[in-house]
Amino acid sequence: MQFGLTAGGGLLFDIQGKGQLQLDFRYTWVHSNMGINGKGDFLAFTSYRENYEYYHGIATLGVAYLFGYDSQLARKGKSTSGGSNKKKR
């Protein structure tokens, strides 16, 4: 059985030139139980037990630069037809 909990948040800052800086942070705590301990081996000569439980925590920080892109403005002044506008001879 494995389960985990994640919590996080982020900030968005406006930068000159219509750009933005995004900071994202997250913490994840995970627990795993990989098996069940038995009462020893099949002959019962040993009573070795293993700890199958595993815990770990992960902290992440993400940084991104976002820039504005207007696809309508990028196509402005360009032909949208598939053929050429030049006369064929």
PDB file of N, CA and C in Angstrom:
ATOM      1  N   MET A   1       0.846  -1.169   0.000  1.00  0.00           N
ATOM      2  CA  MET A   1       0.000   0.000   0.000  1.00  0.00           C
ATOM      3  C   MET A   1       0.896   1.239   0.000  1.00  0.00           C
ATOM      4  N   GLN A   2       0.506   2.226  -0.756  1.00  0.00           N
ATOM      5  CA  GLN A   2       1.265   3.465  -0.818  1.00  0.00           C
ATOM      6  C   GLN A   2       0.299   4.638  -0.850  1.00  0.00           C
ATOM      7  N   PHE A   3       0.610   5.672  -0.091  1.00  0.00           N
ATOM      8  CA  PHE A   3      -0.210   6.878  -0.127  1.00  0.00           C
ATOM      9  C   PHE A   3       0.672   8.084   0.135  1.00  0.00           C
ATOM     10  N   GLY A   4       0.161   9.257  -0.231  1.00  0.00           N
ATOM     11  CA  GLY A   4       0.932  10.468  -0.033  1.00  0.00           C
ATOM     12  C   GLY A   4       0.035  11.684   0.083  1.00  0.00           C
ATOM     13  N   LEU A   5       0.605  12.739   0.605  1.00  0.00           N
ATOM     14  CA  LEU A   5      -0.080  14.023   0.726  1.00  0.00           C
ATOM     15  C   LEU A   5       0.792  15.092   0.072  1.00  0.00           C
ATOM     16  N   THR A   6       0.172  15.971  -0.700  1.00  0.00           N
ATOM     17  CA  THR A   6       0.894  17.039  -1.372  1.00  0.00           C
ATOM     18  C   THR A   6       0.235  18.373  -1.065  1.00  0.00           C
ATOM     19  N   ALA A   7       1.058  19.364  -0.750  1.00  0.00           N
ATOM     20  CA  ALA A   7       0.566  20.729  -0.534  1.00  0.00           C
ATOM     21  C   ALA A   7       1.523  21.669  -1.261  1.00  0.00           C
ATOM     22  N   GLY A   8       0.967  22.723  -1.825  1.00  0.00           N
ATOM     23  CA  GLY A   8       1.829  23.651  -2.552  1.00  0.00           C
ATOM     24  C   GLY A   8       1.123  24.953  -2.848  1.00  0.00           C
ATOM     25  N   GLY A   9       1.862  25.835  -3.472  1.00  0.00           N
ATOM     26  CA  GLY A   9       1.324  27.133  -3.848  1.00  0.00           C
ATOM     27  C   GLY A   9       2.283  27.817  -4.793  1.00  0.00           C
ATOM     28  N   GLY A  10       1.901  29.002  -5.226  1.00  0.00           N
ATOM     29  CA  GLY A  10       2.748  29.710  -6.157  1.00  0.00           C
ATOM     30  C   GLY A  10       2.484  31.195  -6.161  1.00  0.00           C
ATOM     31  N   LEU A  11       3.406  31.912  -6.771  1.00  0.00           N
ATOM     32  CA  LEU A  11       3.311  33.363  -6.906  1.00  0.00           C
ATOM     33  C   LEU A  11       3.559  33.734  -8.358  1.00  0.00           C
ATOM     34  N   LEU A  12       2.923  34.813  -8.815  1.00  0.00           N
ATOM     35  CA  LEU A  12       3.078  35.296 -10.180  1.00  0.00           C
ATOM     36  C   LEU A  12       3.422  36.776 -10.115  1.00  0.00           C
ATOM     37  N   PHE A  13       4.572  37.138 -10.678  1.00  0.00           N
ATOM     38  CA  PHE A  13       5.045  38.518 -10.658  1.00  0.00           C
ATOM     39  C   PHE A  13       5.033  39.087 -12.075  1.00  0.00           C
ATOM     40  N   ASP A  14       4.507  40.312 -12.252  1.00  0.00           N
ATOM     41  CA  ASP A  14       4.562  40.991 -13.538  1.00  0.00           C
ATOM     42  C   ASP A  14       5.929  41.646 -13.699  1.00  0.00           C
ATOM     43  N   ILE A  15       6.499  41.497 -14.901  1.00  0.00           N
ATOM     44  CA  ILE A  15       7.810  42.048 -15.202  1.00  0.00           C
ATOM     45  C   ILE A  15       7.653  43.005 -16.385  1.00  0.00           C
ATOM     46  N   GLN A  16       8.566  43.950 -16.519  1.00  0.00           N
ATOM     47  CA  GLN A  16       8.522  44.883 -17.637  1.00  0.00           C
ATOM     48  C   GLN A  16       8.538  44.127 -18.959  1.00  0.00           C
ATOM     49  N   GLY A  17       7.909  44.713 -19.975  1.00  0.00           N
ATOM     50  CA  GLY A  17       7.891  44.089 -21.289  1.00  0.00           C
ATOM     51  C   GLY A  17       6.831  43.023 -21.442  1.00  0.00           C
ATOM     52  N   LYS A  18       5.781  43.081 -20.680  1.00  0.00           N
ATOM     53  CA  LYS A  18       4.642  42.150 -20.760  1.00  0.00           C
ATOM     54  C   LYS A  18       4.995  40.719 -20.390  1.00  0.00           C
ATOM     55  N   GLY A  19       6.052  40.523 -19.645  1.00  0.00           N
ATOM     56  CA  GLY A  19       6.408  39.184 -19.203  1.00  0.00           C
ATOM     57  C   GLY A  19       5.974  38.965 -17.764  1.00  0.00           C
ATOM     58  N   GLN A  20       6.016  37.717 -17.350  1.00  0.00           N
ATOM     59  CA  GLN A  20       5.669  37.359 -15.976  1.00  0.00           C
ATOM     60  C   GLN A  20       6.648  36.302 -15.471  1.00  0.00           C
ATOM     61  N   LEU A  21       6.924  36.338 -14.195  1.00  0.00           N
ATOM     62  CA  LEU A  21       7.760  35.348 -13.540  1.00  0.00           C
ATOM     63  C   LEU A  21       6.880  34.540 -12.597  1.00  0.00           C
ATOM     64  N   GLN A  22       6.927  33.222 -12.732  1.00  0.00           N
ATOM     65  CA  GLN A  22       6.096  32.333 -11.919  1.00  0.00           C
ATOM     66  C   GLN A  22       6.995  31.513 -11.000  1.00  0.00           C
ATOM     67  N   LEU A  23       6.695  31.537  -9.712  1.00  0.00           N
ATOM     68  CA  LEU A  23       7.377  30.709  -8.721  1.00  0.00           C
ATOM     69  C   LEU A  23       6.364  29.716  -8.161  1.00  0.00           C
ATOM     70  N   ASP A  24       6.726  28.459  -8.149  1.00  0.00           N
ATOM     71  CA  ASP A  24       5.829  27.410  -7.680  1.00  0.00           C
ATOM     72  C   ASP A  24       6.589  26.547  -6.690  1.00  0.00           C
ATOM     73  N   PHE A  25       5.999  26.308  -5.526  1.00  0.00           N
ATOM     74  CA  PHE A  25       6.633  25.442  -4.538  1.00  0.00           C
ATOM     75  C   PHE A  25       5.636  24.375  -4.093  1.00  0.00           C
ATOM     76  N   ARG A  26       6.191  23.202  -3.751  1.00  0.00           N
ATOM     77  CA  ARG A  26       5.350  22.060  -3.412  1.00  0.00           C
ATOM     78  C   ARG A  26       6.097  21.144  -2.451  1.00  0.00           C
ATOM     79  N   TYR A  27       5.380  20.575  -1.496  1.00  0.00           N
ATOM     80  CA  TYR A  27       5.954  19.579  -0.582  1.00  0.00           C
ATOM     81  C   TYR A  27       5.076  18.332  -0.628  1.00  0.00           C
ATOM     82  N   THR A  28       5.723  17.181  -0.770  1.00  0.00           N
ATOM     83  CA  THR A  28       5.009  15.904  -0.836  1.00  0.00           C
ATOM     84  C   THR A  28       5.567  14.972   0.232  1.00  0.00           C
ATOM     85  N   TRP A  29       4.673  14.374   0.995  1.00  0.00           N
ATOM     86  CA  TRP A  29       5.032  13.371   1.994  1.00  0.00           C
ATOM     87  C   TRP A  29       4.426  12.049   1.540  1.00  0.00           C
ATOM     88  N   VAL A  30       5.255  10.998   1.455  1.00  0.00           N
ATOM     89  CA  VAL A  30       4.808   9.706   0.929  1.00  0.00           C
ATOM     90  C   VAL A  30       5.141   8.604   1.926  1.00  0.00           C
ATOM     91  N   HIS A  31       4.234   7.659   2.066  1.00  0.00           N
ATOM     92  CA  HIS A  31       4.421   6.482   2.915  1.00  0.00           C
ATOM     93  C   HIS A  31       4.167   5.240   2.076  1.00  0.00           C
ATOM     94  N   SER A  32       5.044   4.261   2.180  1.00  0.00           N
ATOM     95  CA  SER A  32       4.874   2.986   1.479  1.00  0.00           C
ATOM     96  C   SER A  32       5.011   1.844   2.469  1.00  0.00           C
ATOM     97  N   ASN A  33       4.180   0.849   2.320  1.00  0.00           N
ATOM     98  CA  ASN A  33       4.292  -0.399   3.067  1.00  0.00           C
ATOM     99  C   ASN A  33       4.399  -1.502   2.029  1.00  0.00           C
ATOM    100  N   MET A  34       5.609  -2.010   1.819  1.00  0.00           N
ATOM    101  CA  MET A  34       5.883  -2.906   0.702  1.00  0.00           C
ATOM    102  C   MET A  34       5.557  -4.375   0.978  1.00  0.00           C
ATOM    103  N   GLY A  35       5.204  -4.727   2.178  1.00  0.00           N
ATOM    104  CA  GLY A  35       4.907  -6.125   2.459  1.00  0.00           C
ATOM    105  C   GLY A  35       4.535  -6.333   3.912  1.00  0.00           C
ATOM    106  N   ILE A  36       4.318  -7.584   4.262  1.00  0.00           N
ATOM    107  CA  ILE A  36       3.946  -7.956   5.623  1.00  0.00           C
ATOM    108  C   ILE A  36       5.036  -8.858   6.178  1.00  0.00           C
ATOM    109  N   ASN A  37       5.484  -8.571   7.381  1.00  0.00           N
ATOM    110  CA  ASN A  37       6.497  -9.412   8.011  1.00  0.00           C
ATOM    111  C   ASN A  37       5.897 -10.744   8.420  1.00  0.00           C
ATOM    112  N   GLY A  38       6.658 -11.815   8.172  1.00  0.00           N
ATOM    113  CA  GLY A  38       6.222 -13.140   8.585  1.00  0.00           C
ATOM    114  C   GLY A  38       6.790 -13.502   9.946  1.00  0.00           C
ATOM    115  N   LYS A  39       6.665 -14.761  10.333  1.00  0.00           N
ATOM    116  CA  LYS A  39       7.173 -15.214  11.628  1.00  0.00           C
ATOM    117  C   LYS A  39       8.498 -15.945  11.460  1.00  0.00           C
ATOM    118  N   GLY A  40       9.247 -15.662  10.425  1.00  0.00           N
ATOM    119  CA  GLY A  40      10.513 -16.338  10.187  1.00  0.00           C
ATOM    120  C   GLY A  40      10.442 -17.116   8.892  1.00  0.00           C
ATOM    121  N   ASP A  41      11.465 -17.930   8.643  1.00  0.00           N
ATOM    122  CA  ASP A  41      11.466 -18.714   7.412  1.00  0.00           C
ATOM    123  C   ASP A  41      10.574 -19.956   7.562  1.00  0.00           C
ATOM    124  N   PHE A  42      10.505 -20.738   6.517  1.00  0.00           N
ATOM    125  CA  PHE A  42       9.574 -21.875   6.533  1.00  0.00           C
ATOM    126  C   PHE A  42       9.991 -22.969   7.517  1.00  0.00           C
ATOM    127  N   LEU A  43      11.252 -23.006   7.920  1.00  0.00           N
ATOM    128  CA  LEU A  43      11.679 -23.999   8.906  1.00  0.00           C
ATOM    129  C   LEU A  43      11.647 -23.445  10.326  1.00  0.00           C
ATOM    130  N   ALA A  44      11.398 -22.167  10.471  1.00  0.00           N
ATOM    131  CA  ALA A  44      11.288 -21.489  11.774  1.00  0.00           C
ATOM    132  C   ALA A  44      12.584 -21.524  12.558  1.00  0.00           C
ATOM    133  N   PHE A  45      13.739 -21.610  11.847  1.00  0.00           N
ATOM    134  CA  PHE A  45      15.027 -21.581  12.545  1.00  0.00           C
ATOM    135  C   PHE A  45      15.453 -20.160  12.887  1.00  0.00           C
ATOM    136  N   THR A  46      15.000 -19.229  12.109  1.00  0.00           N
ATOM    137  CA  THR A  46      15.378 -17.835  12.360  1.00  0.00           C
ATOM    138  C   THR A  46      14.123 -17.000  12.542  1.00  0.00           C
ATOM    139  N   SER A  47      14.313 -15.895  13.159  1.00  0.00           N
ATOM    140  CA  SER A  47      13.176 -14.985  13.336  1.00  0.00           C
ATOM    141  C   SER A  47      13.528 -13.613  12.761  1.00  0.00           C
ATOM    142  N   TYR A  48      14.152 -13.634  11.590  1.00  0.00           N
ATOM    143  CA  TYR A  48      14.542 -12.394  10.928  1.00  0.00           C
ATOM    144  C   TYR A  48      13.295 -11.644  10.476  1.00  0.00           C
ATOM    145  N   ARG A  49      13.273 -10.348  10.789  1.00  0.00           N
ATOM    146  CA  ARG A  49      12.153  -9.501  10.376  1.00  0.00           C
ATOM    147  C   ARG A  49      12.703  -8.302   9.628  1.00  0.00           C
ATOM    148  N   GLU A  50      12.018  -7.904   8.596  1.00  0.00           N
ATOM    149  CA  GLU A  50      12.439  -6.777   7.779  1.00  0.00           C
ATOM    150  C   GLU A  50      11.448  -5.627   7.937  1.00  0.00           C
ATOM    151  N   ASN A  51      11.953  -4.416   7.944  1.00  0.00           N
ATOM    152  CA  ASN A  51      11.090  -3.244   8.001  1.00  0.00           C
ATOM    153  C   ASN A  51      10.713  -2.859   6.565  1.00  0.00           C
ATOM    154  N   TYR A  52       9.492  -3.099   6.195  1.00  0.00           N
ATOM    155  CA  TYR A  52       9.035  -2.819   4.843  1.00  0.00           C
ATOM    156  C   TYR A  52       8.395  -1.440   4.714  1.00  0.00           C
ATOM    157  N   GLU A  53       8.377  -0.669   5.779  1.00  0.00           N
ATOM    158  CA  GLU A  53       7.777   0.654   5.721  1.00  0.00           C
ATOM    159  C   GLU A  53       8.811   1.676   5.272  1.00  0.00           C
ATOM    160  N   TYR A  54       8.377   2.619   4.468  1.00  0.00           N
ATOM    161  CA  TYR A  54       9.286   3.601   3.893  1.00  0.00           C
ATOM    162  C   TYR A  54       8.594   4.956   3.874  1.00  0.00           C
ATOM    163  N   TYR A  55       9.242   5.966   4.404  1.00  0.00           N
ATOM    164  CA  TYR A  55       8.707   7.326   4.414  1.00  0.00           C
ATOM    165  C   TYR A  55       9.699   8.235   3.704  1.00  0.00           C
ATOM    166  N   HIS A  56       9.198   9.191   2.967  1.00  0.00           N
ATOM    167  CA  HIS A  56      10.079  10.232   2.455  1.00  0.00           C
ATOM    168  C   HIS A  56       9.284  11.500   2.174  1.00  0.00           C
ATOM    169  N   GLY A  57       9.994  12.592   2.194  1.00  0.00           N
ATOM    170  CA  GLY A  57       9.406  13.889   1.897  1.00  0.00           C
ATOM    171  C   GLY A  57      10.166  14.536   0.752  1.00  0.00           C
ATOM    172  N   ILE A  58       9.445  15.199  -0.136  1.00  0.00           N
ATOM    173  CA  ILE A  58      10.045  15.826  -1.302  1.00  0.00           C
ATOM    174  C   ILE A  58       9.611  17.287  -1.347  1.00  0.00           C
ATOM    175  N   ALA A  59      10.567  18.180  -1.424  1.00  0.00           N
ATOM    176  CA  ALA A  59      10.282  19.603  -1.582  1.00  0.00           C
ATOM    177  C   ALA A  59      10.761  20.025  -2.966  1.00  0.00           C
ATOM    178  N   THR A  60       9.902  20.690  -3.747  1.00  0.00           N
ATOM    179  CA  THR A  60      10.267  21.137  -5.082  1.00  0.00           C
ATOM    180  C   THR A  60       9.991  22.628  -5.224  1.00  0.00           C
ATOM    181  N   LEU A  61      10.797  23.264  -6.047  1.00  0.00           N
ATOM    182  CA  LEU A  61      10.635  24.675  -6.369  1.00  0.00           C
ATOM    183  C   LEU A  61      10.740  24.806  -7.879  1.00  0.00           C
ATOM    184  N   GLY A  62       9.749  25.410  -8.490  1.00  0.00           N
ATOM    185  CA  GLY A  62       9.750  25.617  -9.933  1.00  0.00           C
ATOM    186  C   GLY A  62       9.767  27.102 -10.253  1.00  0.00           C
ATOM    187  N   VAL A  63      10.531  27.459 -11.278  1.00  0.00           N
ATOM    188  CA  VAL A  63      10.624  28.840 -11.731  1.00  0.00           C
ATOM    189  C   VAL A  63      10.359  28.852 -13.230  1.00  0.00           C
ATOM    190  N   ALA A  64       9.486  29.758 -13.680  1.00  0.00           N
ATOM    191  CA  ALA A  64       9.165  29.855 -15.105  1.00  0.00           C
ATOM    192  C   ALA A  64       9.028  31.316 -15.502  1.00  0.00           C
ATOM    193  N   TYR A  65       9.446  31.613 -16.732  1.00  0.00           N
ATOM    194  CA  TYR A  65       9.239  32.938 -17.303  1.00  0.00           C
ATOM    195  C   TYR A  65       8.152  32.807 -18.355  1.00  0.00           C
ATOM    196  N   LEU A  66       7.091  33.575 -18.223  1.00  0.00           N
ATOM    197  CA  LEU A  66       5.965  33.534 -19.149  1.00  0.00           C
ATOM    198  C   LEU A  66       5.976  34.812 -19.989  1.00  0.00           C
ATOM    199  N   PHE A  67       5.842  34.654 -21.292  1.00  0.00           N
ATOM    200  CA  PHE A  67       5.809  35.826 -22.159  1.00  0.00           C
ATOM    201  C   PHE A  67       4.517  35.799 -22.962  1.00  0.00           C
ATOM    202  N   GLY A  68       4.023  36.997 -23.270  1.00  0.00           N
ATOM    203  CA  GLY A  68       2.773  37.111 -24.010  1.00  0.00           C
ATOM    204  C   GLY A  68       2.984  36.841 -25.491  1.00  0.00           C
ATOM    205  N   TYR A  69       2.078  36.093 -26.079  1.00  0.00           N
ATOM    206  CA  TYR A  69       2.134  35.792 -27.508  1.00  0.00           C
ATOM    207  C   TYR A  69       0.717  35.873 -28.051  1.00  0.00           C
ATOM    208  N   ASP A  70       0.520  36.736 -29.021  1.00  0.00           N
ATOM    209  CA  ASP A  70      -0.789  36.909 -29.638  1.00  0.00           C
ATOM    210  C   ASP A  70      -0.731  36.326 -31.041  1.00  0.00           C
ATOM    211  N   SER A  71      -1.363  35.181 -31.268  1.00  0.00           N
ATOM    212  CA  SER A  71      -1.301  34.516 -32.566  1.00  0.00           C
ATOM    213  C   SER A  71      -2.008  35.336 -33.652  1.00  0.00           C
ATOM    214  N   GLN A  72      -3.035  36.076 -33.311  1.00  0.00           N
ATOM    215  CA  GLN A  72      -3.720  36.922 -34.299  1.00  0.00           C
ATOM    216  C   GLN A  72      -2.794  38.050 -34.757  1.00  0.00           C
ATOM    217  N   LEU A  73      -2.051  38.617 -33.848  1.00  0.00           N
ATOM    218  CA  LEU A  73      -1.130  39.687 -34.202  1.00  0.00           C
ATOM    219  C   LEU A  73       0.043  39.146 -35.025  1.00  0.00           C
ATOM    220  N   ALA A  74       0.475  37.932 -34.773  1.00  0.00           N
ATOM    221  CA  ALA A  74       1.583  37.342 -35.522  1.00  0.00           C
ATOM    222  C   ALA A  74       1.207  37.088 -36.976  1.00  0.00           C
ATOM    223  N   ARG A  75      -0.067  36.821 -37.267  1.00  0.00           N
ATOM    224  CA  ARG A  75      -0.517  36.566 -38.639  1.00  0.00           C
ATOM    225  C   ARG A  75      -0.911  37.837 -39.380  1.00  0.00           C
ATOM    226  N   LYS A  76      -0.918  38.947 -38.701  1.00  0.00           N
ATOM    227  CA  LYS A  76      -1.376  40.198 -39.298  1.00  0.00           C
ATOM    228  C   LYS A  76      -0.463  40.595 -40.462  1.00  0.00           C
ATOM    229  N   GLY A  77      -1.075  40.877 -41.624  1.00  0.00           N
ATOM    230  CA  GLY A  77      -0.332  41.286 -42.808  1.00  0.00           C
ATOM    231  C   GLY A  77       0.148  40.144 -43.665  1.00  0.00           C
ATOM    232  N   LYS A  78      -0.069  38.915 -43.269  1.00  0.00           N
ATOM    233  CA  LYS A  78       0.355  37.759 -44.050  1.00  0.00           C
ATOM    234  C   LYS A  78      -0.866  37.116 -44.688  1.00  0.00           C
ATOM    235  N   SER A  79      -0.672  36.536 -45.848  1.00  0.00           N
ATOM    236  CA  SER A  79      -1.755  35.864 -46.541  1.00  0.00           C
ATOM    237  C   SER A  79      -2.090  34.560 -45.831  1.00  0.00           C
ATOM    238  N   THR A  80      -3.348  34.295 -45.707  1.00  0.00           N
ATOM    239  CA  THR A  80      -3.776  33.038 -45.088  1.00  0.00           C
ATOM    240  C   THR A  80      -4.244  32.028 -46.121  1.00  0.00           C
ATOM    241  N   SER A  81      -4.218  32.398 -47.403  1.00  0.00           N
ATOM    242  CA  SER A  81      -4.642  31.449 -48.431  1.00  0.00           C
ATOM    243  C   SER A  81      -3.508  30.477 -48.724  1.00  0.00           C
ATOM    244  N   GLY A  82      -3.862  29.296 -49.197  1.00  0.00           N
ATOM    245  CA  GLY A  82      -2.873  28.257 -49.490  1.00  0.00           C
ATOM    246  C   GLY A  82      -2.078  28.536 -50.743  1.00  0.00           C
ATOM    247  N   GLY A  83      -2.662  29.227 -51.708  1.00  0.00           N
ATOM    248  CA  GLY A  83      -1.972  29.487 -52.987  1.00  0.00           C
ATOM    249  C   GLY A  83      -1.227  30.811 -52.974  1.00  0.00           C
ATOM    250  N   SER A  84      -0.441  30.986 -53.980  1.00  0.00           N
ATOM    251  CA  SER A  84       0.324  32.227 -54.116  1.00  0.00           C
ATOM    252  C   SER A  84      -0.517  33.300 -54.777  1.00  0.00           C
ATOM    253  N   ASN A  85      -0.237  34.547 -54.474  1.00  0.00           N
ATOM    254  CA  ASN A  85      -0.961  35.667 -55.080  1.00  0.00           C
ATOM    255  C   ASN A  85      -0.297  36.143 -56.369  1.00  0.00           C
ATOM    256  N   LYS A  86       0.813  35.550 -56.760  1.00  0.00           N
ATOM    257  CA  LYS A  86       1.512  35.945 -57.966  1.00  0.00           C
ATOM    258  C   LYS A  86       0.826  35.355 -59.197  1.00  0.00           C
ATOM    259  N   LYS A  87       0.909  36.106 -60.303  1.00  0.00           N
ATOM    260  CA  LYS A  87       0.319  35.613 -61.563  1.00  0.00           C
ATOM    261  C   LYS A  87       1.198  34.544 -62.164  1.00  0.00           C
ATOM    262  N   LYS A  88       0.561  33.516 -62.679  1.00  0.00           N
ATOM    263  CA  LYS A  88       1.311  32.440 -63.342  1.00  0.00           C
ATOM    264  C   LYS A  88       1.430  32.769 -64.814  1.00  0.00           C
ATOM    265  N   ARG A  89       2.548  32.493 -65.442  1.00  0.00           N
ATOM    266  CA  ARG A  89       2.757  32.765 -66.871  1.00  0.00           C
ATOM    267  C   ARG A  89       2.722  31.505 -67.661  1.00  0.00           C
TER     268      ARG A  89
END
